[in-house]
PDB file of N, CA and C in Angstrom:
ATOM      1  N   UNK A   1    -122.369 323.633 -84.382  1.00  0.00           N
ATOM      2  CA  UNK A   1    -121.458 322.714 -83.730  1.00  0.00           C
ATOM      3  C   UNK A   1    -120.073 323.356 -83.643  1.00  0.00           C
ATOM      4  N   UNK A   2    -119.325 322.868 -82.702  1.00  0.00           N
ATOM      5  CA  UNK A   2    -117.967 323.355 -82.525  1.00  0.00           C
ATOM      6  C   UNK A   2    -116.995 322.201 -82.739  1.00  0.00           C
ATOM      7  N   UNK A   3    -115.873 322.526 -83.339  1.00  0.00           N
ATOM      8  CA  UNK A   3    -114.836 321.536 -83.626  1.00  0.00           C
ATOM      9  C   UNK A   3    -113.513 322.010 -83.042  1.00  0.00           C
ATOM     10  N   UNK A   4    -112.754 321.085 -82.479  1.00  0.00           N
ATOM     11  CA  UNK A   4    -111.417 321.364 -81.984  1.00  0.00           C
ATOM     12  C   UNK A   4    -110.441 320.994 -83.091  1.00  0.00           C
ATOM     13  N   UNK A   5    -109.767 321.994 -83.631  1.00  0.00           N
ATOM     14  CA  UNK A   5    -108.837 321.793 -84.741  1.00  0.00           C
ATOM     15  C   UNK A   5    -107.421 321.994 -84.215  1.00  0.00           C
ATOM     16  N   UNK A   6    -106.576 321.014 -84.412  1.00  0.00           N
ATOM     17  CA  UNK A   6    -105.174 321.108 -84.026  1.00  0.00           C
ATOM     18  C   UNK A   6    -104.363 321.437 -85.272  1.00  0.00           C
ATOM     19  N   UNK A   7    -103.607 322.536 -85.183  1.00  0.00           N
ATOM     20  CA  UNK A   7    -102.771 322.977 -86.298  1.00  0.00           C
ATOM     21  C   UNK A   7    -101.318 322.921 -85.852  1.00  0.00           C
ATOM     22  N   UNK A   8    -100.473 322.339 -86.679  1.00  0.00           N
ATOM     23  CA  UNK A   8     -99.041 322.265 -86.398  1.00  0.00           C
ATOM     24  C   UNK A   8     -98.295 323.319 -87.189  1.00  0.00           C
ATOM     25  N   UNK A   9     -97.584 324.194 -86.483  1.00  0.00           N
ATOM     26  CA  UNK A   9     -96.774 325.242 -87.114  1.00  0.00           C
ATOM     27  C   UNK A   9     -95.303 324.838 -87.061  1.00  0.00           C
ATOM     28  N   UNK A  10     -94.615 324.978 -88.180  1.00  0.00           N
ATOM     29  CA  UNK A  10     -93.194 324.642 -88.221  1.00  0.00           C
ATOM     30  C   UNK A  10     -92.399 325.622 -87.364  1.00  0.00           C
ATOM     31  N   UNK A  11     -91.388 325.085 -86.662  1.00  0.00           N
ATOM     32  CA  UNK A  11     -90.493 325.910 -85.854  1.00  0.00           C
ATOM     33  C   UNK A  11     -89.093 325.868 -86.469  1.00  0.00           C
ATOM     34  N   UNK A  12     -88.184 326.630 -85.896  1.00  0.00           N
ATOM     35  CA  UNK A  12     -86.805 326.653 -86.383  1.00  0.00           C
ATOM     36  C   UNK A  12     -86.028 325.403 -85.975  1.00  0.00           C
ATOM     37  N   UNK A  13     -86.532 324.665 -84.991  1.00  0.00           N
ATOM     38  CA  UNK A  13     -85.865 323.456 -84.517  1.00  0.00           C
ATOM     39  C   UNK A  13     -86.151 322.294 -85.456  1.00  0.00           C
ATOM     40  N   UNK A  14     -85.220 321.328 -85.463  1.00  0.00           N
ATOM     41  CA  UNK A  14     -85.390 320.148 -86.306  1.00  0.00           C
ATOM     42  C   UNK A  14     -85.353 318.889 -85.456  1.00  0.00           C
ATOM     43  N   UNK A  15     -86.040 317.847 -85.928  1.00  0.00           N
ATOM     44  CA  UNK A  15     -85.993 316.562 -85.235  1.00  0.00           C
ATOM     45  C   UNK A  15     -84.759 315.794 -85.693  1.00  0.00           C
ATOM     46  N   UNK A  16     -84.628 314.549 -85.267  1.00  0.00           N
ATOM     47  CA  UNK A  16     -83.443 313.733 -85.589  1.00  0.00           C
ATOM     48  C   UNK A  16     -83.259 313.504 -87.074  1.00  0.00           C
ATOM     49  N   UNK A  17     -84.346 313.479 -87.802  1.00  0.00           N
ATOM     50  CA  UNK A  17     -84.257 313.207 -89.237  1.00  0.00           C
ATOM     51  C   UNK A  17     -84.128 314.474 -90.083  1.00  0.00           C
ATOM     52  N   UNK A  18     -84.054 315.637 -89.425  1.00  0.00           N
ATOM     53  CA  UNK A  18     -83.878 316.882 -90.152  1.00  0.00           C
ATOM     54  C   UNK A  18     -85.163 317.586 -90.550  1.00  0.00           C
ATOM     55  N   UNK A  19     -86.303 317.040 -90.154  1.00  0.00           N
ATOM     56  CA  UNK A  19     -87.580 317.690 -90.437  1.00  0.00           C
ATOM     57  C   UNK A  19     -87.872 318.754 -89.386  1.00  0.00           C
ATOM     58  N   UNK A  20     -88.537 319.838 -89.767  1.00  0.00           N
ATOM     59  CA  UNK A  20     -88.846 320.873 -88.765  1.00  0.00           C
ATOM     60  C   UNK A  20     -89.827 320.351 -87.716  1.00  0.00           C
ATOM     61  N   UNK A  21     -89.572 320.723 -86.470  1.00  0.00           N
ATOM     62  CA  UNK A  21     -90.491 320.348 -85.392  1.00  0.00           C
ATOM     63  C   UNK A  21     -91.745 321.201 -85.508  1.00  0.00           C
ATOM     64  N   UNK A  22     -92.857 320.640 -85.054  1.00  0.00           N
ATOM     65  CA  UNK A  22     -94.125 321.349 -85.110  1.00  0.00           C
ATOM     66  C   UNK A  22     -94.541 321.821 -83.727  1.00  0.00           C
ATOM     67  N   UNK A  23     -95.023 323.055 -83.665  1.00  0.00           N
ATOM     68  CA  UNK A  23     -95.659 323.573 -82.462  1.00  0.00           C
ATOM     69  C   UNK A  23     -97.158 323.362 -82.672  1.00  0.00           C
ATOM     70  N   UNK A  24     -97.774 322.537 -81.843  1.00  0.00           N
ATOM     71  CA  UNK A  24     -99.183 322.193 -82.023  1.00  0.00           C
ATOM     72  C   UNK A  24    -100.059 323.137 -81.200  1.00  0.00           C
ATOM     73  N   UNK A  25    -100.951 323.845 -81.893  1.00  0.00           N
ATOM     74  CA  UNK A  25    -101.885 324.751 -81.237  1.00  0.00           C
ATOM     75  C   UNK A  25    -103.306 324.313 -81.544  1.00  0.00           C
ATOM     76  N   UNK A  26    -104.197 324.516 -80.586  1.00  0.00           N
ATOM     77  CA  UNK A  26    -105.585 324.082 -80.736  1.00  0.00           C
ATOM     78  C   UNK A  26    -106.495 325.298 -80.884  1.00  0.00           C
ATOM     79  N   UNK A  27    -107.458 325.175 -81.797  1.00  0.00           N
ATOM     80  CA  UNK A  27    -108.422 326.236 -82.068  1.00  0.00           C
ATOM     81  C   UNK A  27    -109.824 325.648 -82.050  1.00  0.00           C
ATOM     82  N   UNK A  28    -110.768 326.407 -81.526  1.00  0.00           N
ATOM     83  CA  UNK A  28    -112.168 326.006 -81.583  1.00  0.00           C
ATOM     84  C   UNK A  28    -112.799 326.749 -82.751  1.00  0.00           C
ATOM     85  N   UNK A  29    -113.421 325.997 -83.641  1.00  0.00           N
ATOM     86  CA  UNK A  29    -114.026 326.567 -84.846  1.00  0.00           C
ATOM     87  C   UNK A  29    -115.498 326.178 -84.881  1.00  0.00           C
ATOM     88  N   UNK A  30    -116.363 327.167 -85.111  1.00  0.00           N
ATOM     89  CA  UNK A  30    -117.790 326.890 -85.259  1.00  0.00           C
ATOM     90  C   UNK A  30    -118.052 326.561 -86.723  1.00  0.00           C
ATOM     91  N   UNK A  31    -118.652 325.407 -86.970  1.00  0.00           N
ATOM     92  CA  UNK A  31    -118.940 324.969 -88.337  1.00  0.00           C
ATOM     93  C   UNK A  31    -120.050 323.930 -88.298  1.00  0.00           C
ATOM     94  N   UNK A  32    -120.652 323.671 -89.445  1.00  0.00           N
ATOM     95  CA  UNK A  32    -121.723 322.678 -89.539  1.00  0.00           C
ATOM     96  C   UNK A  32    -121.191 321.264 -89.773  1.00  0.00           C
ATOM     97  N   UNK A  33    -120.024 321.148 -90.426  1.00  0.00           N
ATOM     98  CA  UNK A  33    -119.468 319.835 -90.743  1.00  0.00           C
ATOM     99  C   UNK A  33    -117.956 319.856 -90.529  1.00  0.00           C
ATOM    100  N   UNK A  34    -117.364 318.667 -90.500  1.00  0.00           N
ATOM    101  CA  UNK A  34    -115.903 318.554 -90.410  1.00  0.00           C
ATOM    102  C   UNK A  34    -115.261 319.222 -91.627  1.00  0.00           C
ATOM    103  N   UNK A  35    -115.880 319.029 -92.785  1.00  0.00           N
ATOM    104  CA  UNK A  35    -115.341 319.623 -94.010  1.00  0.00           C
ATOM    105  C   UNK A  35    -115.312 321.147 -93.913  1.00  0.00           C
ATOM    106  N   UNK A  36    -116.381 321.738 -93.414  1.00  0.00           N
ATOM    107  CA  UNK A  36    -116.414 323.197 -93.271  1.00  0.00           C
ATOM    108  C   UNK A  36    -115.370 323.667 -92.257  1.00  0.00           C
ATOM    109  N   UNK A  37    -115.213 322.942 -91.157  1.00  0.00           N
ATOM    110  CA  UNK A  37    -114.204 323.297 -90.155  1.00  0.00           C
ATOM    111  C   UNK A  37    -112.805 323.226 -90.758  1.00  0.00           C
ATOM    112  N   UNK A  38    -112.562 322.223 -91.598  1.00  0.00           N
ATOM    113  CA  UNK A  38    -111.268 322.081 -92.261  1.00  0.00           C
ATOM    114  C   UNK A  38    -111.010 323.241 -93.222  1.00  0.00           C
ATOM    115  N   UNK A  39    -112.034 323.646 -93.964  1.00  0.00           N
ATOM    116  CA  UNK A  39    -111.899 324.763 -94.903  1.00  0.00           C
ATOM    117  C   UNK A  39    -111.628 326.063 -94.159  1.00  0.00           C
ATOM    118  N   UNK A  40    -112.350 326.305 -93.070  1.00  0.00           N
ATOM    119  CA  UNK A  40    -112.139 327.523 -92.276  1.00  0.00           C
ATOM    120  C   UNK A  40    -110.724 327.534 -91.701  1.00  0.00           C
ATOM    121  N   UNK A  41    -110.269 326.398 -91.175  1.00  0.00           N
ATOM    122  CA  UNK A  41    -108.916 326.307 -90.630  1.00  0.00           C
ATOM    123  C   UNK A  41    -107.874 326.566 -91.711  1.00  0.00           C
ATOM    124  N   UNK A  42    -108.111 326.057 -92.904  1.00  0.00           N
ATOM    125  CA  UNK A  42    -107.185 326.259 -94.015  1.00  0.00           C
ATOM    126  C   UNK A  42    -107.096 327.735 -94.392  1.00  0.00           C
ATOM    127  N   UNK A  43    -108.235 328.415 -94.428  1.00  0.00           N
ATOM    128  CA  UNK A  43    -108.241 329.853 -94.728  1.00  0.00           C
ATOM    129  C   UNK A  43    -107.534 330.641 -93.631  1.00  0.00           C
ATOM    130  N   UNK A  44    -107.716 330.217 -92.380  1.00  0.00           N
ATOM    131  CA  UNK A  44    -107.040 330.859 -91.255  1.00  0.00           C
ATOM    132  C   UNK A  44    -105.526 330.692 -91.372  1.00  0.00           C
ATOM    133  N   UNK A  45    -105.098 329.474 -91.703  1.00  0.00           N
ATOM    134  CA  UNK A  45    -103.660 329.193 -91.853  1.00  0.00           C
ATOM    135  C   UNK A  45    -103.044 329.957 -93.013  1.00  0.00           C
ATOM    136  N   UNK A  46    -103.830 330.236 -94.058  1.00  0.00           N
ATOM    137  CA  UNK A  46    -103.309 330.924 -95.245  1.00  0.00           C
ATOM    138  C   UNK A  46    -102.811 332.325 -94.915  1.00  0.00           C
ATOM    139  N   UNK A  47    -103.321 332.924 -93.854  1.00  0.00           N
ATOM    140  CA  UNK A  47    -102.893 334.269 -93.460  1.00  0.00           C
ATOM    141  C   UNK A  47    -101.604 334.294 -92.673  1.00  0.00           C
ATOM    142  N   UNK A  48    -100.998 333.155 -92.434  1.00  0.00           N
ATOM    143  CA  UNK A  48     -99.770 333.062 -91.637  1.00  0.00           C
ATOM    144  C   UNK A  48     -98.599 332.720 -92.546  1.00  0.00           C
ATOM    145  N   UNK A  49     -97.452 333.353 -92.314  1.00  0.00           N
ATOM    146  CA  UNK A  49     -96.285 333.111 -93.168  1.00  0.00           C
ATOM    147  C   UNK A  49     -95.551 331.823 -92.800  1.00  0.00           C
ATOM    148  N   UNK A  50     -95.804 331.284 -91.610  1.00  0.00           N
ATOM    149  CA  UNK A  50     -95.141 330.042 -91.199  1.00  0.00           C
ATOM    150  C   UNK A  50     -95.734 328.854 -91.948  1.00  0.00           C
ATOM    151  N   UNK A  51     -94.930 327.836 -92.149  1.00  0.00           N
ATOM    152  CA  UNK A  51     -95.442 326.593 -92.704  1.00  0.00           C
ATOM    153  C   UNK A  51     -96.337 325.932 -91.671  1.00  0.00           C
ATOM    154  N   UNK A  52     -97.437 325.357 -92.116  1.00  0.00           N
ATOM    155  CA  UNK A  52     -98.359 324.749 -91.157  1.00  0.00           C
ATOM    156  C   UNK A  52     -99.155 323.639 -91.826  1.00  0.00           C
ATOM    157  N   UNK A  53     -99.795 322.827 -90.986  1.00  0.00           N
ATOM    158  CA  UNK A  53    -100.669 321.772 -91.476  1.00  0.00           C
ATOM    159  C   UNK A  53    -101.739 321.495 -90.430  1.00  0.00           C
ATOM    160  N   UNK A  54    -102.932 321.140 -90.892  1.00  0.00           N
ATOM    161  CA  UNK A  54    -103.990 320.713 -89.973  1.00  0.00           C
ATOM    162  C   UNK A  54    -103.681 319.284 -89.561  1.00  0.00           C
ATOM    163  N   UNK A  55    -103.624 319.054 -88.271  1.00  0.00           N
ATOM    164  CA  UNK A  55    -103.266 317.739 -87.761  1.00  0.00           C
ATOM    165  C   UNK A  55    -104.511 316.919 -87.445  1.00  0.00           C
ATOM    166  N   UNK A  56    -105.506 317.557 -86.817  1.00  0.00           N
ATOM    167  CA  UNK A  56    -106.723 316.819 -86.489  1.00  0.00           C
ATOM    168  C   UNK A  56    -107.910 317.765 -86.376  1.00  0.00           C
ATOM    169  N   UNK A  57    -109.091 317.200 -86.581  1.00  0.00           N
ATOM    170  CA  UNK A  57    -110.355 317.906 -86.412  1.00  0.00           C
ATOM    171  C   UNK A  57    -111.269 316.979 -85.627  1.00  0.00           C
ATOM    172  N   UNK A  58    -111.754 317.444 -84.478  1.00  0.00           N
ATOM    173  CA  UNK A  58    -112.617 316.615 -83.643  1.00  0.00           C
ATOM    174  C   UNK A  58    -113.839 317.410 -83.207  1.00  0.00           C
ATOM    175  N   UNK A  59    -114.983 316.768 -83.211  1.00  0.00           N
ATOM    176  CA  UNK A  59    -116.223 317.401 -82.775  1.00  0.00           C
ATOM    177  C   UNK A  59    -116.170 317.607 -81.264  1.00  0.00           C
ATOM    178  N   UNK A  60    -116.580 318.796 -80.823  1.00  0.00           N
ATOM    179  CA  UNK A  60    -116.587 319.107 -79.400  1.00  0.00           C
ATOM    180  C   UNK A  60    -118.017 319.031 -78.875  1.00  0.00           C
ATOM    181  N   UNK A  61    -118.162 318.433 -77.732  1.00  0.00           N
ATOM    182  CA  UNK A  61    -119.482 318.321 -77.105  1.00  0.00           C
ATOM    183  C   UNK A  61    -119.714 319.535 -76.211  1.00  0.00           C
ATOM    184  N   UNK A  62    -120.077 320.658 -76.832  1.00  0.00           N
ATOM    185  CA  UNK A  62    -120.323 321.899 -76.098  1.00  0.00           C
ATOM    186  C   UNK A  62    -121.797 322.248 -76.238  1.00  0.00           C
ATOM    187  N   UNK A  63    -122.457 322.446 -75.117  1.00  0.00           N
ATOM    188  CA  UNK A  63    -123.873 322.813 -75.126  1.00  0.00           C
ATOM    189  C   UNK A  63    -124.036 324.282 -75.515  1.00  0.00           C
ATOM    190  N   UNK A  64    -123.273 325.154 -74.872  1.00  0.00           N
ATOM    191  CA  UNK A  64    -123.319 326.572 -75.211  1.00  0.00           C
ATOM    192  C   UNK A  64    -122.046 327.231 -74.698  1.00  0.00           C
ATOM    193  N   UNK A  65    -121.798 328.427 -75.182  1.00  0.00           N
ATOM    194  CA  UNK A  65    -120.641 329.189 -74.742  1.00  0.00           C
ATOM    195  C   UNK A  65    -121.149 330.370 -73.933  1.00  0.00           C
ATOM    196  N   UNK A  66    -120.664 330.490 -72.717  1.00  0.00           N
ATOM    197  CA  UNK A  66    -121.058 331.586 -71.847  1.00  0.00           C
ATOM    198  C   UNK A  66    -119.933 332.613 -71.899  1.00  0.00           C
ATOM    199  N   UNK A  67    -120.222 333.730 -72.528  1.00  0.00           N
ATOM    200  CA  UNK A  67    -119.257 334.817 -72.610  1.00  0.00           C
ATOM    201  C   UNK A  67    -120.007 336.136 -72.735  1.00  0.00           C
ATOM    202  N   UNK A  68    -119.262 337.235 -72.807  1.00  0.00           N
ATOM    203  CA  UNK A  68    -119.870 338.569 -72.858  1.00  0.00           C
ATOM    204  C   UNK A  68    -120.747 338.752 -74.088  1.00  0.00           C
ATOM    205  N   UNK A  69    -120.379 338.147 -75.197  1.00  0.00           N
ATOM    206  CA  UNK A  69    -121.125 338.329 -76.435  1.00  0.00           C
ATOM    207  C   UNK A  69    -122.433 337.527 -76.439  1.00  0.00           C
ATOM    208  N   UNK A  70    -122.373 336.279 -76.027  1.00  0.00           N
ATOM    209  CA  UNK A  70    -123.534 335.403 -76.089  1.00  0.00           C
ATOM    210  C   UNK A  70    -124.491 335.565 -74.918  1.00  0.00           C
ATOM    211  N   UNK A  71    -123.958 335.827 -73.748  1.00  0.00           N
ATOM    212  CA  UNK A  71    -124.785 335.929 -72.538  1.00  0.00           C
ATOM    213  C   UNK A  71    -124.330 337.125 -71.699  1.00  0.00           C
ATOM    214  N   UNK A  72    -124.556 338.347 -72.179  1.00  0.00           N
ATOM    215  CA  UNK A  72    -124.068 339.523 -71.450  1.00  0.00           C
ATOM    216  C   UNK A  72    -124.759 339.728 -70.104  1.00  0.00           C
ATOM    217  N   UNK A  73    -125.943 339.158 -69.916  1.00  0.00           N
ATOM    218  CA  UNK A  73    -126.667 339.366 -68.655  1.00  0.00           C
ATOM    219  C   UNK A  73    -125.920 338.809 -67.445  1.00  0.00           C
ATOM    220  N   UNK A  74    -125.060 337.819 -67.654  1.00  0.00           N
ATOM    221  CA  UNK A  74    -124.286 337.252 -66.532  1.00  0.00           C
ATOM    222  C   UNK A  74    -123.093 338.101 -66.166  1.00  0.00           C
ATOM    223  N   UNK A  75    -122.750 339.063 -66.989  1.00  0.00           N
ATOM    224  CA  UNK A  75    -121.564 339.882 -66.766  1.00  0.00           C
ATOM    225  C   UNK A  75    -121.896 341.289 -66.284  1.00  0.00           C
ATOM    226  N   UNK A  76    -123.176 341.615 -66.196  1.00  0.00           N
ATOM    227  CA  UNK A  76    -123.576 342.931 -65.710  1.00  0.00           C
ATOM    228  C   UNK A  76    -123.365 343.000 -64.213  1.00  0.00           C
ATOM    229  N   UNK A  77    -122.988 344.176 -63.758  1.00  0.00           N
ATOM    230  CA  UNK A  77    -122.755 344.349 -62.315  1.00  0.00           C
ATOM    231  C   UNK A  77    -123.961 344.911 -61.642  1.00  0.00           C
TER     232      UNK A  77
END
C-alpha cells in the first residue's frame, strides 16, 4: 500500500504569534500500515537538520506505479 505523508518543515518566517511557519511537503511512502508509514517518515525526517513534524498520513488508492523501474517495457524505444 502507499500512503501520502505530509511533513511540515520549519522556515525562518514566523506567524503572528511568533511560531515558525511550516513549509508543507508531501511524500508517498510504501508501507503495510499507517504505523509503518509514520515510522519510515520519522526516520526520513531524522536525517534533516530542520525542525519538522508529520502533519498527516493518508492511504492512497493507487493500483500500480508505472515507471522505468516497475514497468521498463513501456519505456523501451
